[in-house]
C-alpha atoms as a PDB file:
ATOM      1  CA  UNK A   1       0.000   0.000   0.000  1.00  0.00           C
ATOM      2  CA  UNK A   2       1.272   3.420  -0.904  1.00  0.00           C
ATOM      3  CA  UNK A   3      -0.109   6.765   0.162  1.00  0.00           C
ATOM      4  CA  UNK A   4      -0.007   9.393  -2.555  1.00  0.00           C
ATOM      5  CA  UNK A   5      -1.137  12.973  -2.518  1.00  0.00           C
ATOM      6  CA  UNK A   6      -3.996  13.713  -4.892  1.00  0.00           C
ATOM      7  CA  UNK A   7      -1.779  15.354  -7.536  1.00  0.00           C
ATOM      8  CA  UNK A   8       0.591  12.368  -7.549  1.00  0.00           C
ATOM      9  CA  UNK A   9      -2.331   9.944  -7.777  1.00  0.00           C
ATOM     10  CA  UNK A  10      -3.722  11.901 -10.743  1.00  0.00           C
ATOM     11  CA  UNK A  11      -0.402  11.552 -12.554  1.00  0.00           C
ATOM     12  CA  UNK A  12      -0.134   7.844 -11.798  1.00  0.00           C
ATOM     13  CA  UNK A  13      -3.748   7.041 -12.676  1.00  0.00           C
ATOM     14  CA  UNK A  14      -3.609   9.416 -15.665  1.00  0.00           C
ATOM     15  CA  UNK A  15      -6.863  11.166 -14.757  1.00  0.00           C
ATOM     16  CA  UNK A  16      -7.767  14.762 -13.979  1.00  0.00           C
ATOM     17  CA  UNK A  17      -8.237  16.065 -10.463  1.00  0.00           C
ATOM     18  CA  UNK A  18     -11.993  16.380 -10.934  1.00  0.00           C
ATOM     19  CA  UNK A  19     -12.205  12.756 -12.134  1.00  0.00           C
ATOM     20  CA  UNK A  20     -10.227  11.631  -9.098  1.00  0.00           C
ATOM     21  CA  UNK A  21     -12.548  13.630  -6.820  1.00  0.00           C
ATOM     22  CA  UNK A  22     -15.587  11.969  -8.427  1.00  0.00           C
ATOM     23  CA  UNK A  23     -14.040   8.529  -7.925  1.00  0.00           C
ATOM     24  CA  UNK A  24     -13.279   9.351  -4.301  1.00  0.00           C
ATOM     25  CA  UNK A  25     -16.870  10.543  -3.741  1.00  0.00           C
ATOM     26  CA  UNK A  26     -18.298   7.385  -5.337  1.00  0.00           C
ATOM     27  CA  UNK A  27     -16.014   5.129  -3.282  1.00  0.00           C
ATOM     28  CA  UNK A  28     -14.037   3.738  -6.226  1.00  0.00           C
ATOM     29  CA  UNK A  29     -10.830   5.175  -4.788  1.00  0.00           C
ATOM     30  CA  UNK A  30      -9.875   4.730  -1.137  1.00  0.00           C
ATOM     31  CA  UNK A  31      -8.458   7.736   0.711  1.00  0.00           C
ATOM     32  CA  UNK A  32      -6.969   8.378   4.115  1.00  0.00           C
ATOM     33  CA  UNK A  33      -7.507  11.714   5.803  1.00  0.00           C
ATOM     34  CA  UNK A  34      -4.941  12.851   8.337  1.00  0.00           C
ATOM     35  CA  UNK A  35      -5.550  15.908  10.520  1.00  0.00           C
ATOM     36  CA  UNK A  36      -3.174  18.783  10.020  1.00  0.00           C
ATOM     37  CA  UNK A  37      -3.974  21.825  12.108  1.00  0.00           C
ATOM     38  CA  UNK A  38      -7.534  22.931  11.517  1.00  0.00           C
ATOM     39  CA  UNK A  39      -7.674  21.113   8.188  1.00  0.00           C
ATOM     40  CA  UNK A  40      -6.833  17.621   7.020  1.00  0.00           C
ATOM     41  CA  UNK A  41      -4.547  16.233   4.355  1.00  0.00           C
ATOM     42  CA  UNK A  42      -5.974  13.677   1.927  1.00  0.00           C
ATOM     43  CA  UNK A  43      -3.849  10.746   0.782  1.00  0.00           C
ATOM     44  CA  UNK A  44      -4.966   8.336  -1.932  1.00  0.00           C
ATOM     45  CA  UNK A  45      -4.344   4.709  -0.976  1.00  0.00           C
ATOM     46  CA  UNK A  46      -2.762   2.809  -3.873  1.00  0.00           C
ATOM     47  CA  UNK A  47      -2.815  -0.973  -3.634  1.00  0.00           C
ATOM     48  CA  UNK A  48       0.001  -2.439  -5.712  1.00  0.00           C
ATOM     49  CA  UNK A  49       1.216  -5.573  -3.961  1.00  0.00           C
ATOM     50  CA  UNK A  50       3.221  -7.715  -6.363  1.00  0.00           C
ATOM     51  CA  UNK A  51       1.918 -11.221  -6.962  1.00  0.00           C
ATOM     52  CA  UNK A  52       4.086 -14.297  -6.780  1.00  0.00           C
ATOM     53  CA  UNK A  53       4.255 -16.167 -10.091  1.00  0.00           C
ATOM     54  CA  UNK A  54       3.566 -19.611  -8.565  1.00  0.00           C
ATOM     55  CA  UNK A  55       0.115 -19.273  -7.080  1.00  0.00           C
ATOM     56  CA  UNK A  56      -0.893 -15.680  -7.886  1.00  0.00           C
ATOM     57  CA  UNK A  57      -1.205 -14.723  -4.239  1.00  0.00           C
ATOM     58  CA  UNK A  58       0.139 -11.489  -2.835  1.00  0.00           C
ATOM     59  CA  UNK A  59       3.434 -11.507  -0.997  1.00  0.00           C
ATOM     60  CA  UNK A  60       3.112 -11.730   2.752  1.00  0.00           C
ATOM     61  CA  UNK A  61       6.309  -9.766   3.379  1.00  0.00           C
ATOM     62  CA  UNK A  62       4.905  -6.636   1.706  1.00  0.00           C
ATOM     63  CA  UNK A  63       3.177  -5.477   4.874  1.00  0.00           C
ATOM     64  CA  UNK A  64       1.754  -1.984   4.866  1.00  0.00           C
ATOM     65  CA  UNK A  65       3.324  -0.898   8.119  1.00  0.00           C
ATOM     66  CA  UNK A  66       3.727   2.817   8.771  1.00  0.00           C
ATOM     67  CA  UNK A  67       7.486   2.408   8.345  1.00  0.00           C
ATOM     68  CA  UNK A  68       7.080   0.855   4.897  1.00  0.00           C
ATOM     69  CA  UNK A  69       4.661   3.572   3.860  1.00  0.00           C
ATOM     70  CA  UNK A  70       7.046   6.252   5.118  1.00  0.00           C
ATOM     71  CA  UNK A  71       9.989   4.723   3.241  1.00  0.00           C
ATOM     72  CA  UNK A  72       7.992   4.608   0.019  1.00  0.00           C
ATOM     73  CA  UNK A  73       6.922   8.212   0.542  1.00  0.00           C
ATOM     74  CA  UNK A  74      10.539   9.252   1.150  1.00  0.00           C
ATOM     75  CA  UNK A  75      11.646   7.437  -2.001  1.00  0.00           C
ATOM     76  CA  UNK A  76       8.985   9.263  -4.039  1.00  0.00           C
ATOM     77  CA  UNK A  77       9.981  12.606  -2.553  1.00  0.00           C
ATOM     78  CA  UNK A  78      13.661  11.955  -3.291  1.00  0.00           C
ATOM     79  CA  UNK A  79      12.796  11.323  -6.946  1.00  0.00           C
ATOM     80  CA  UNK A  80      10.782  14.534  -6.978  1.00  0.00           C
ATOM     81  CA  UNK A  81      13.727  16.475  -5.485  1.00  0.00           C
ATOM     82  CA  UNK A  82      16.086  15.119  -8.162  1.00  0.00           C
ATOM     83  CA  UNK A  83      13.633  16.119 -10.899  1.00  0.00           C
ATOM     84  CA  UNK A  84      13.289  19.624  -9.467  1.00  0.00           C
ATOM     85  CA  UNK A  85      17.075  19.975  -9.121  1.00  0.00           C
ATOM     86  CA  UNK A  86      17.482  19.121 -12.790  1.00  0.00           C
ATOM     87  CA  UNK A  87      14.804  21.660 -13.732  1.00  0.00           C
ATOM     88  CA  UNK A  88      16.559  24.299 -11.624  1.00  0.00           C
ATOM     89  CA  UNK A  89      19.902  23.530 -13.263  1.00  0.00           C
ATOM     90  CA  UNK A  90      18.373  23.902 -16.734  1.00  0.00           C
ATOM     91  CA  UNK A  91      16.726  27.199 -15.770  1.00  0.00           C
ATOM     92  CA  UNK A  92      20.019  28.514 -14.382  1.00  0.00           C
ATOM     93  CA  UNK A  93      21.799  27.619 -17.640  1.00  0.00           C
ATOM     94  CA  UNK A  94      19.087  29.342 -19.658  1.00  0.00           C
ATOM     95  CA  UNK A  95      19.197  32.454 -17.458  1.00  0.00           C
ATOM     96  CA  UNK A  96      22.994  32.590 -17.688  1.00  0.00           C
ATOM     97  CA  UNK A  97      22.719  32.520 -21.467  1.00  0.00           C
ATOM     98  CA  UNK A  98      20.089  35.248 -21.481  1.00  0.00           C
ATOM     99  CA  UNK A  99      22.191  37.393 -19.147  1.00  0.00           C
ATOM    100  CA  UNK A 100      25.182  37.012 -21.453  1.00  0.00           C
ATOM    101  CA  UNK A 101      23.072  38.004 -24.460  1.00  0.00           C
ATOM    102  CA  UNK A 102      21.758  41.054 -22.593  1.00  0.00           C
ATOM    103  CA  UNK A 103      25.246  42.186 -21.570  1.00  0.00           C
ATOM    104  CA  UNK A 104      26.439  41.768 -25.154  1.00  0.00           C
ATOM    105  CA  UNK A 105      23.549  43.881 -26.455  1.00  0.00           C
ATOM    106  CA  UNK A 106      24.280  46.619 -23.916  1.00  0.00           C
ATOM    107  CA  UNK A 107      27.988  46.779 -24.743  1.00  0.00           C
ATOM    108  CA  UNK A 108      27.522  46.571 -28.500  1.00  0.00           C
ATOM    109  CA  UNK A 109      24.975  49.422 -28.757  1.00  0.00           C
ATOM    110  CA  UNK A 110      26.498  52.888 -29.262  1.00  0.00           C
ATOM    111  CA  UNK A 111      26.425  55.125 -26.253  1.00  0.00           C
ATOM    112  CA  UNK A 112      23.778  57.739 -26.738  1.00  0.00           C
ATOM    113  CA  UNK A 113      24.523  61.267 -25.740  1.00  0.00           C
ATOM    114  CA  UNK A 114      22.298  62.675 -23.094  1.00  0.00           C
ATOM    115  CA  UNK A 115      19.805  64.992 -24.672  1.00  0.00           C
ATOM    116  CA  UNK A 116      18.447  68.057 -23.036  1.00  0.00           C
ATOM    117  CA  UNK A 117      14.811  68.047 -21.974  1.00  0.00           C
ATOM    118  CA  UNK A 118      12.302  69.187 -24.592  1.00  0.00           C
ATOM    119  CA  UNK A 119      11.440  72.378 -22.729  1.00  0.00           C
ATOM    120  CA  UNK A 120      14.980  73.672 -23.170  1.00  0.00           C
ATOM    121  CA  UNK A 121      14.441  73.728 -26.931  1.00  0.00           C
ATOM    122  CA  UNK A 122      11.144  75.498 -26.446  1.00  0.00           C
ATOM    123  CA  UNK A 123      12.812  78.170 -24.264  1.00  0.00           C
ATOM    124  CA  UNK A 124      15.455  78.794 -26.931  1.00  0.00           C
ATOM    125  CA  UNK A 125      12.849  79.229 -29.667  1.00  0.00           C
ATOM    126  CA  UNK A 126      10.733  81.639 -27.636  1.00  0.00           C
ATOM    127  CA  UNK A 127      13.696  83.830 -26.635  1.00  0.00           C
ATOM    128  CA  UNK A 128      14.949  84.510 -30.054  1.00  0.00           C
END
């Protein structure tokens, strides 16, 4: 048994959040609600015990103890952290490239002389 947050369960089941909510309301999907402050956190219970090839029964050593559930949750979170680290690295590379392009554009453009405000021209025309 694995406990997944609703977004993770949507990805794994390949359904939308509203479809998952409908399945939860109809009882097709089992959830576990854990209190968290004044609210509660909803976990979707995923049953995926591997079957032994001899008799088709589920393995007895795959107990759904809290420790096993926590280890599986930690493993999933570690994978998520690695994915996010890779995304961050790619974004940093892209931003570094954009910063280099911007600096090049600034240095390659000719320096413009500072022009006087428009009212200075108007004063000169009205004086003479």
